[in-house]
C-alpha atoms as a PDB file:
ATOM      1  CA  MET A   1      29.685 -19.456   4.146  1.00  0.00           C
ATOM      2  CA  ASN A   2      32.009 -22.162   5.310  1.00  0.00           C
ATOM      3  CA  ASP A   3      34.907 -23.595   3.308  1.00  0.00           C
ATOM      4  CA  ILE A   4      35.371 -27.337   3.402  1.00  0.00           C
ATOM      5  CA  VAL A   5      38.758 -28.488   2.184  1.00  0.00           C
ATOM      6  CA  ILE A   6      39.554 -32.133   1.534  1.00  0.00           C
ATOM      7  CA  ASP A   7      43.251 -32.929   1.342  1.00  0.00           C
ATOM      8  CA  SER A   8      44.488 -36.450   1.861  1.00  0.00           C
ATOM      9  CA  GLY A   9      48.148 -35.521   1.758  1.00  0.00           C
ATOM     10  CA  ALA A  10      48.665 -38.056  -0.954  1.00  0.00           C
ATOM     11  CA  THR A  11      49.858 -37.098  -4.388  1.00  0.00           C
ATOM     12  CA  ASP A  12      47.209 -39.180  -6.157  1.00  0.00           C
ATOM     13  CA  PHE A  13      44.280 -37.458  -4.415  1.00  0.00           C
ATOM     14  CA  ILE A  14      42.824 -34.207  -5.765  1.00  0.00           C
ATOM     15  CA  ALA A  15      42.243 -31.461  -3.205  1.00  0.00           C
ATOM     16  CA  THR A  16      38.776 -29.955  -3.454  1.00  0.00           C
ATOM     17  CA  SER A  17      37.307 -26.796  -2.006  1.00  0.00           C
ATOM     18  CA  ALA A  18      33.617 -25.847  -2.001  1.00  0.00           C
ATOM     19  CA  ASN A  19      31.404 -23.233  -0.394  1.00  0.00           C
ATOM     20  CA  TYR A  20      28.330 -24.351   1.533  1.00  0.00           C
ATOM     21  CA  LEU A  21      25.574 -22.396   3.206  1.00  0.00           C
ATOM     22  CA  VAL A  22      24.852 -23.892   6.618  1.00  0.00           C
ATOM     23  CA  ASN A  23      21.459 -23.036   8.118  1.00  0.00           C
ATOM     24  CA  THR A  24      21.732 -23.011  11.905  1.00  0.00           C
ATOM     25  CA  VAL A  25      18.427 -21.261  12.698  1.00  0.00           C
ATOM     26  CA  THR A  26      15.259 -23.312  13.084  1.00  0.00           C
ATOM     27  CA  PRO A  27      12.322 -21.200  11.865  1.00  0.00           C
ATOM     28  CA  THR A  28       9.322 -20.594  14.117  1.00  0.00           C
ATOM     29  CA  ILE A  29       5.841 -19.199  13.571  1.00  0.00           C
ATOM     30  CA  THR A  30       3.214 -17.973  16.043  1.00  0.00           C
ATOM     31  CA  ILE A  31      -0.416 -16.866  15.758  1.00  0.00           C
ATOM     32  CA  ALA A  32      -1.561 -13.841  17.772  1.00  0.00           C
ATOM     33  CA  ASP A  33      -4.931 -13.781  19.544  1.00  0.00           C
ATOM     34  CA  VAL A  34      -7.712 -13.604  16.968  1.00  0.00           C
ATOM     35  CA  ALA A  35     -10.247 -10.776  17.436  1.00  0.00           C
ATOM     36  CA  GLY A  36      -8.446  -9.811  20.652  1.00  0.00           C
ATOM     37  CA  ASP A  37      -9.840 -12.674  22.755  1.00  0.00           C
ATOM     38  CA  ASN A  38      -9.908 -15.685  20.382  1.00  0.00           C
ATOM     39  CA  THR A  39     -13.692 -15.373  20.105  1.00  0.00           C
ATOM     40  CA  ILE A  40     -15.277 -14.006  16.933  1.00  0.00           C
ATOM     41  CA  ASN A  41     -18.703 -12.664  17.890  1.00  0.00           C
ATOM     42  CA  TYR A  42     -21.830 -11.530  16.060  1.00  0.00           C
ATOM     43  CA  LEU A  43     -20.470  -7.991  15.577  1.00  0.00           C
ATOM     44  CA  GLU A  44     -16.947  -8.952  14.537  1.00  0.00           C
ATOM     45  CA  ASP A  45     -18.159 -11.278  11.770  1.00  0.00           C
ATOM     46  CA  ASP A  46     -19.662  -8.346   9.851  1.00  0.00           C
ATOM     47  CA  VAL A  47     -16.199  -7.410   8.533  1.00  0.00           C
ATOM     48  CA  ASP A  48     -13.098  -9.314   7.434  1.00  0.00           C
ATOM     49  CA  VAL A  49     -11.251 -10.833  10.411  1.00  0.00           C
ATOM     50  CA  ALA A  50      -7.476 -10.333  10.582  1.00  0.00           C
ATOM     51  CA  ILE A  51      -5.330 -13.275  11.605  1.00  0.00           C
ATOM     52  CA  SER A  52      -1.724 -12.324  12.253  1.00  0.00           C
ATOM     53  CA  GLY A  53       1.425 -13.454  13.959  1.00  0.00           C
ATOM     54  CA  THR A  54       5.194 -13.473  14.014  1.00  0.00           C
ATOM     55  CA  THR A  55       8.079 -15.550  12.710  1.00  0.00           C
ATOM     56  CA  THR A  56      11.744 -16.046  13.525  1.00  0.00           C
ATOM     57  CA  GLY A  57      14.322 -17.432  11.149  1.00  0.00           C
ATOM     58  CA  VAL A  58      12.063 -16.763   8.151  1.00  0.00           C
ATOM     59  CA  GLU A  59      13.162 -14.329   5.483  1.00  0.00           C
ATOM     60  CA  ASP A  60      11.049 -11.423   4.237  1.00  0.00           C
ATOM     61  CA  GLY A  61       8.959 -12.398   1.236  1.00  0.00           C
ATOM     62  CA  GLN A  62       8.377 -16.002   2.315  1.00  0.00           C
ATOM     63  CA  VAL A  63       4.744 -16.994   1.740  1.00  0.00           C
ATOM     64  CA  LEU A  64       2.953 -18.813   4.537  1.00  0.00           C
ATOM     65  CA  THR A  65      -0.364 -20.643   4.653  1.00  0.00           C
ATOM     66  CA  VAL A  66      -3.080 -20.024   7.239  1.00  0.00           C
ATOM     67  CA  THR A  67      -5.875 -22.605   7.381  1.00  0.00           C
ATOM     68  CA  LEU A  68      -9.328 -22.095   8.926  1.00  0.00           C
ATOM     69  CA  ASN A  69     -12.310 -24.385   8.395  1.00  0.00           C
ATOM     70  CA  GLY A  70     -10.463 -26.325   5.688  1.00  0.00           C
ATOM     71  CA  LYS A  71      -9.776 -23.208   3.623  1.00  0.00           C
ATOM     72  CA  ASP A  72      -6.271 -21.852   2.985  1.00  0.00           C
ATOM     73  CA  TYR A  73      -5.259 -18.177   3.018  1.00  0.00           C
ATOM     74  CA  GLN A  74      -1.847 -16.830   1.991  1.00  0.00           C
ATOM     75  CA  ALA A  75       0.244 -14.217   3.793  1.00  0.00           C
ATOM     76  CA  THR A  76       3.750 -12.882   3.195  1.00  0.00           C
ATOM     77  CA  VAL A  77       6.376 -12.487   5.916  1.00  0.00           C
ATOM     78  CA  SER A  78       7.712  -8.957   6.360  1.00  0.00           C
ATOM     79  CA  GLY A  79       9.909  -7.893   9.258  1.00  0.00           C
ATOM     80  CA  ASP A  80       9.238 -11.147  11.162  1.00  0.00           C
ATOM     81  CA  ALA A  81       5.472 -10.480  11.028  1.00  0.00           C
ATOM     82  CA  TRP A  82       2.556 -11.546   8.857  1.00  0.00           C
ATOM     83  CA  SER A  83      -1.174 -10.891   8.549  1.00  0.00           C
ATOM     84  CA  VAL A  84      -4.059 -12.168   6.447  1.00  0.00           C
ATOM     85  CA  ASP A  85      -7.711 -11.070   6.302  1.00  0.00           C
ATOM     86  CA  VAL A  86     -10.336 -13.814   6.315  1.00  0.00           C
ATOM     87  CA  PRO A  87     -13.377 -12.534   4.376  1.00  0.00           C
ATOM     88  CA  ALA A  88     -16.525 -11.895   6.445  1.00  0.00           C
ATOM     89  CA  ALA A  89     -18.442 -14.383   4.280  1.00  0.00           C
ATOM     90  CA  ASP A  90     -15.967 -17.144   5.197  1.00  0.00           C
ATOM     91  CA  VAL A  91     -16.217 -16.273   8.892  1.00  0.00           C
ATOM     92  CA  GLN A  92     -20.027 -16.293   8.762  1.00  0.00           C
ATOM     93  CA  ALA A  93     -19.870 -19.744   7.129  1.00  0.00           C
ATOM     94  CA  LEU A  94     -18.241 -21.192  10.273  1.00  0.00           C
ATOM     95  CA  ALA A  95     -20.336 -23.459  12.459  1.00  0.00           C
ATOM     96  CA  GLU A  96     -21.040 -22.154  15.950  1.00  0.00           C
ATOM     97  CA  GLY A  97     -18.435 -23.259  18.463  1.00  0.00           C
ATOM     98  CA  ASN A  98     -14.775 -24.247  18.570  1.00  0.00           C
ATOM     99  CA  HIS A  99     -12.370 -24.070  15.646  1.00  0.00           C
ATOM    100  CA  SER A 100      -8.632 -24.273  15.057  1.00  0.00           C
ATOM    101  CA  VAL A 101      -6.512 -21.876  13.014  1.00  0.00           C
ATOM    102  CA  THR A 102      -3.170 -23.221  11.786  1.00  0.00           C
ATOM    103  CA  ALA A 103      -0.207 -21.512  10.133  1.00  0.00           C
ATOM    104  CA  ASN A 104       2.700 -23.082   8.238  1.00  0.00           C
ATOM    105  CA  VAL A 105       5.834 -21.600   6.683  1.00  0.00           C
ATOM    106  CA  THR A 106       9.285 -22.624   5.445  1.00  0.00           C
ATOM    107  CA  ASN A 107      12.401 -20.488   5.283  1.00  0.00           C
ATOM    108  CA  ALA A 108      14.273 -19.737   2.047  1.00  0.00           C
ATOM    109  CA  VAL A 109      16.320 -22.950   2.211  1.00  0.00           C
ATOM    110  CA  GLY A 110      13.210 -25.082   2.709  1.00  0.00           C
ATOM    111  CA  VAL A 111      13.314 -25.734   6.458  1.00  0.00           C
ATOM    112  CA  ALA A 112       9.741 -25.846   7.786  1.00  0.00           C
ATOM    113  CA  ALA A 113       8.699 -24.251  11.052  1.00  0.00           C
ATOM    114  CA  ALA A 114       6.638 -26.390  13.407  1.00  0.00           C
ATOM    115  CA  GLU A 115       2.965 -25.758  12.636  1.00  0.00           C
ATOM    116  CA  ALA A 116       1.383 -23.042  14.788  1.00  0.00           C
ATOM    117  CA  SER A 117      -2.153 -23.574  16.033  1.00  0.00           C
ATOM    118  CA  LYS A 118      -4.665 -21.311  17.794  1.00  0.00           C
ATOM    119  CA  ALA A 119      -8.012 -22.396  19.249  1.00  0.00           C
ATOM    120  CA  ILE A 120     -10.826 -19.940  18.534  1.00  0.00           C
ATOM    121  CA  ILE A 121     -14.565 -19.783  19.167  1.00  0.00           C
ATOM    122  CA  TYR A 122     -17.201 -18.545  16.747  1.00  0.00           C
ATOM    123  CA  ASN A 123     -20.324 -17.176  18.463  1.00  0.00           C
ATOM    124  CA  SER A 124     -22.757 -15.420  16.129  1.00  0.00           C
ATOM    125  CA  THR A 125     -25.571 -15.193  18.694  1.00  0.00           C
ATOM    126  CA  ALA A 126     -26.416 -11.697  19.904  1.00  0.00           C
ATOM    127  CA  PRO A 127     -26.079 -11.452  23.696  1.00  0.00           C
ATOM    128  CA  LEU A 128     -29.587 -10.007  24.102  1.00  0.00           C
ATOM    129  CA  THR A 129     -32.781 -10.179  22.081  1.00  0.00           C
ATOM    130  CA  ILE A 130     -35.834  -8.100  23.074  1.00  0.00           C
ATOM    131  CA  THR A 131     -39.286  -9.014  21.802  1.00  0.00           C
ATOM    132  CA  LEU A 132     -42.778  -7.578  22.389  1.00  0.00           C
ATOM    133  CA  ASP A 133     -45.970  -9.529  21.822  1.00  0.00           C
ATOM    134  CA  ASP A 134     -47.661  -6.297  20.670  1.00  0.00           C
ATOM    135  CA  THR A 135     -45.622  -3.522  19.065  1.00  0.00           C
ATOM    136  CA  ALA A 136     -48.538  -1.145  18.414  1.00  0.00           C
ATOM    137  CA  LEU A 137     -49.929  -0.398  21.900  1.00  0.00           C
ATOM    138  CA  ALA A 138     -52.750   2.096  22.293  1.00  0.00           C
ATOM    139  CA  ALA A 139     -53.285   4.074  25.495  1.00  0.00           C
ATOM    140  CA  GLY A 140     -54.170   1.778  28.388  1.00  0.00           C
ATOM    141  CA  GLU A 141     -53.055  -1.449  26.649  1.00  0.00           C
ATOM    142  CA  THR A 142     -50.477  -3.877  27.992  1.00  0.00           C
ATOM    143  CA  ALA A 143     -47.896  -6.023  26.179  1.00  0.00           C
ATOM    144  CA  THR A 144     -45.450  -8.639  27.368  1.00  0.00           C
ATOM    145  CA  VAL A 145     -41.807  -7.778  26.796  1.00  0.00           C
ATOM    146  CA  THR A 146     -39.269 -10.635  26.815  1.00  0.00           C
ATOM    147  CA  PHE A 147     -35.522 -10.212  27.273  1.00  0.00           C
ATOM    148  CA  THR A 148     -33.614 -13.291  26.078  1.00  0.00           C
ATOM    149  CA  PHE A 149     -29.888 -13.491  26.843  1.00  0.00           C
ATOM    150  CA  ASN A 150     -27.435 -15.920  25.228  1.00  0.00           C
ATOM    151  CA  GLU A 151     -26.336 -17.002  28.724  1.00  0.00           C
ATOM    152  CA  ALA A 152     -27.667 -16.696  32.261  1.00  0.00           C
ATOM    153  CA  VAL A 153     -27.388 -13.226  33.801  1.00  0.00           C
ATOM    154  CA  THR A 154     -27.648 -12.041  37.372  1.00  0.00           C
ATOM    155  CA  GLY A 155     -28.626  -8.637  38.668  1.00  0.00           C
ATOM    156  CA  PHE A 156     -30.687  -7.629  35.627  1.00  0.00           C
ATOM    157  CA  ASP A 157     -33.737  -5.728  36.869  1.00  0.00           C
ATOM    158  CA  ASN A 158     -36.002  -2.766  36.127  1.00  0.00           C
ATOM    159  CA  SER A 159     -33.212  -0.280  36.898  1.00  0.00           C
ATOM    160  CA  ASP A 160     -31.468  -1.546  33.735  1.00  0.00           C
ATOM    161  CA  ILE A 161     -34.460  -0.686  31.512  1.00  0.00           C
ATOM    162  CA  THR A 162     -35.852   2.654  30.330  1.00  0.00           C
ATOM    163  CA  VAL A 163     -39.458   2.821  29.146  1.00  0.00           C
ATOM    164  CA  GLU A 164     -40.914   5.922  27.520  1.00  0.00           C
ATOM    165  CA  GLY A 165     -44.671   6.440  27.391  1.00  0.00           C
ATOM    166  CA  GLY A 166     -45.484   3.618  29.766  1.00  0.00           C
ATOM    167  CA  THR A 167     -44.682   1.696  32.919  1.00  0.00           C
ATOM    168  CA  LEU A 168     -42.948  -1.628  33.323  1.00  0.00           C
ATOM    169  CA  SER A 169     -43.861  -4.328  35.831  1.00  0.00           C
ATOM    170  CA  ALA A 170     -41.112  -6.138  37.742  1.00  0.00           C
ATOM    171  CA  VAL A 171     -38.834  -8.282  35.588  1.00  0.00           C
ATOM    172  CA  THR A 172     -39.032 -12.012  36.420  1.00  0.00           C
ATOM    173  CA  SER A 173     -37.300 -15.164  35.186  1.00  0.00           C
ATOM    174  CA  ALA A 174     -38.443 -18.774  35.220  1.00  0.00           C
ATOM    175  CA  ASP A 175     -35.188 -20.194  33.793  1.00  0.00           C
ATOM    176  CA  ASP A 176     -32.405 -18.866  36.031  1.00  0.00           C
ATOM    177  CA  GLY A 177     -31.755 -15.643  34.175  1.00  0.00           C
ATOM    178  CA  ILE A 178     -31.689 -16.533  30.487  1.00  0.00           C
ATOM    179  CA  THR A 179     -35.230 -15.363  29.681  1.00  0.00           C
ATOM    180  CA  LEU A 180     -36.795 -12.518  31.638  1.00  0.00           C
ATOM    181  CA  ASP A 181     -40.361 -11.284  31.192  1.00  0.00           C
ATOM    182  CA  SER A 182     -42.227  -8.162  32.146  1.00  0.00           C
ATOM    183  CA  ASN A 183     -45.349  -6.281  31.140  1.00  0.00           C
ATOM    184  CA  VAL A 184     -45.307  -2.801  29.712  1.00  0.00           C
ATOM    185  CA  HIS A 185     -48.470  -0.727  30.146  1.00  0.00           C
ATOM    186  CA  ALA A 186     -48.954   2.222  27.788  1.00  0.00           C
ATOM    187  CA  ASP A 187     -49.773   5.519  29.534  1.00  0.00           C
ATOM    188  CA  SER A 188     -53.142   7.103  28.832  1.00  0.00           C
ATOM    189  CA  GLY A 189     -51.482   9.888  26.832  1.00  0.00           C
ATOM    190  CA  HIS A 190     -49.629   7.426  24.574  1.00  0.00           C
ATOM    191  CA  GLN A 191     -50.821   6.779  21.029  1.00  0.00           C
END
């Protein structure tokens, strides 16, 4: 608290004293990496996703607002930190691709921190899908197995695959490593 005293030295002026609280700290807010790498993937969206961060110059108990996809979530500052869980259903409602998370807070005297922003990516596509054109092979039959990746891969070959009860032909790709095909032939003892 600072005292401000006004005294004109004149006898017809009334001296006044008042106490004022002077805020000299500008509050700040940050957002930590979301999901560890700022990408929410097809496994991480099965549970609530925590968004957290830190503050300076913001008192414990101050409520802040986190916004993702036009929806607001509330968190409370404690020990210069905050965290909010975004429900899995809200995460799964995101469109594939880039998004922005923002966070806003004011301190107890109403001074707002500059808005924090974090770019994130939502990718709900599994990295690998395996399909067979026949899932009920009898002894001596052959089926085509297709490995479809969500991005081009290199070095994927038969040594990366284990087949029980059959043999696998060489894996080939006609699209630079996104889709790879092979044939699996069921052994004569397989039923």
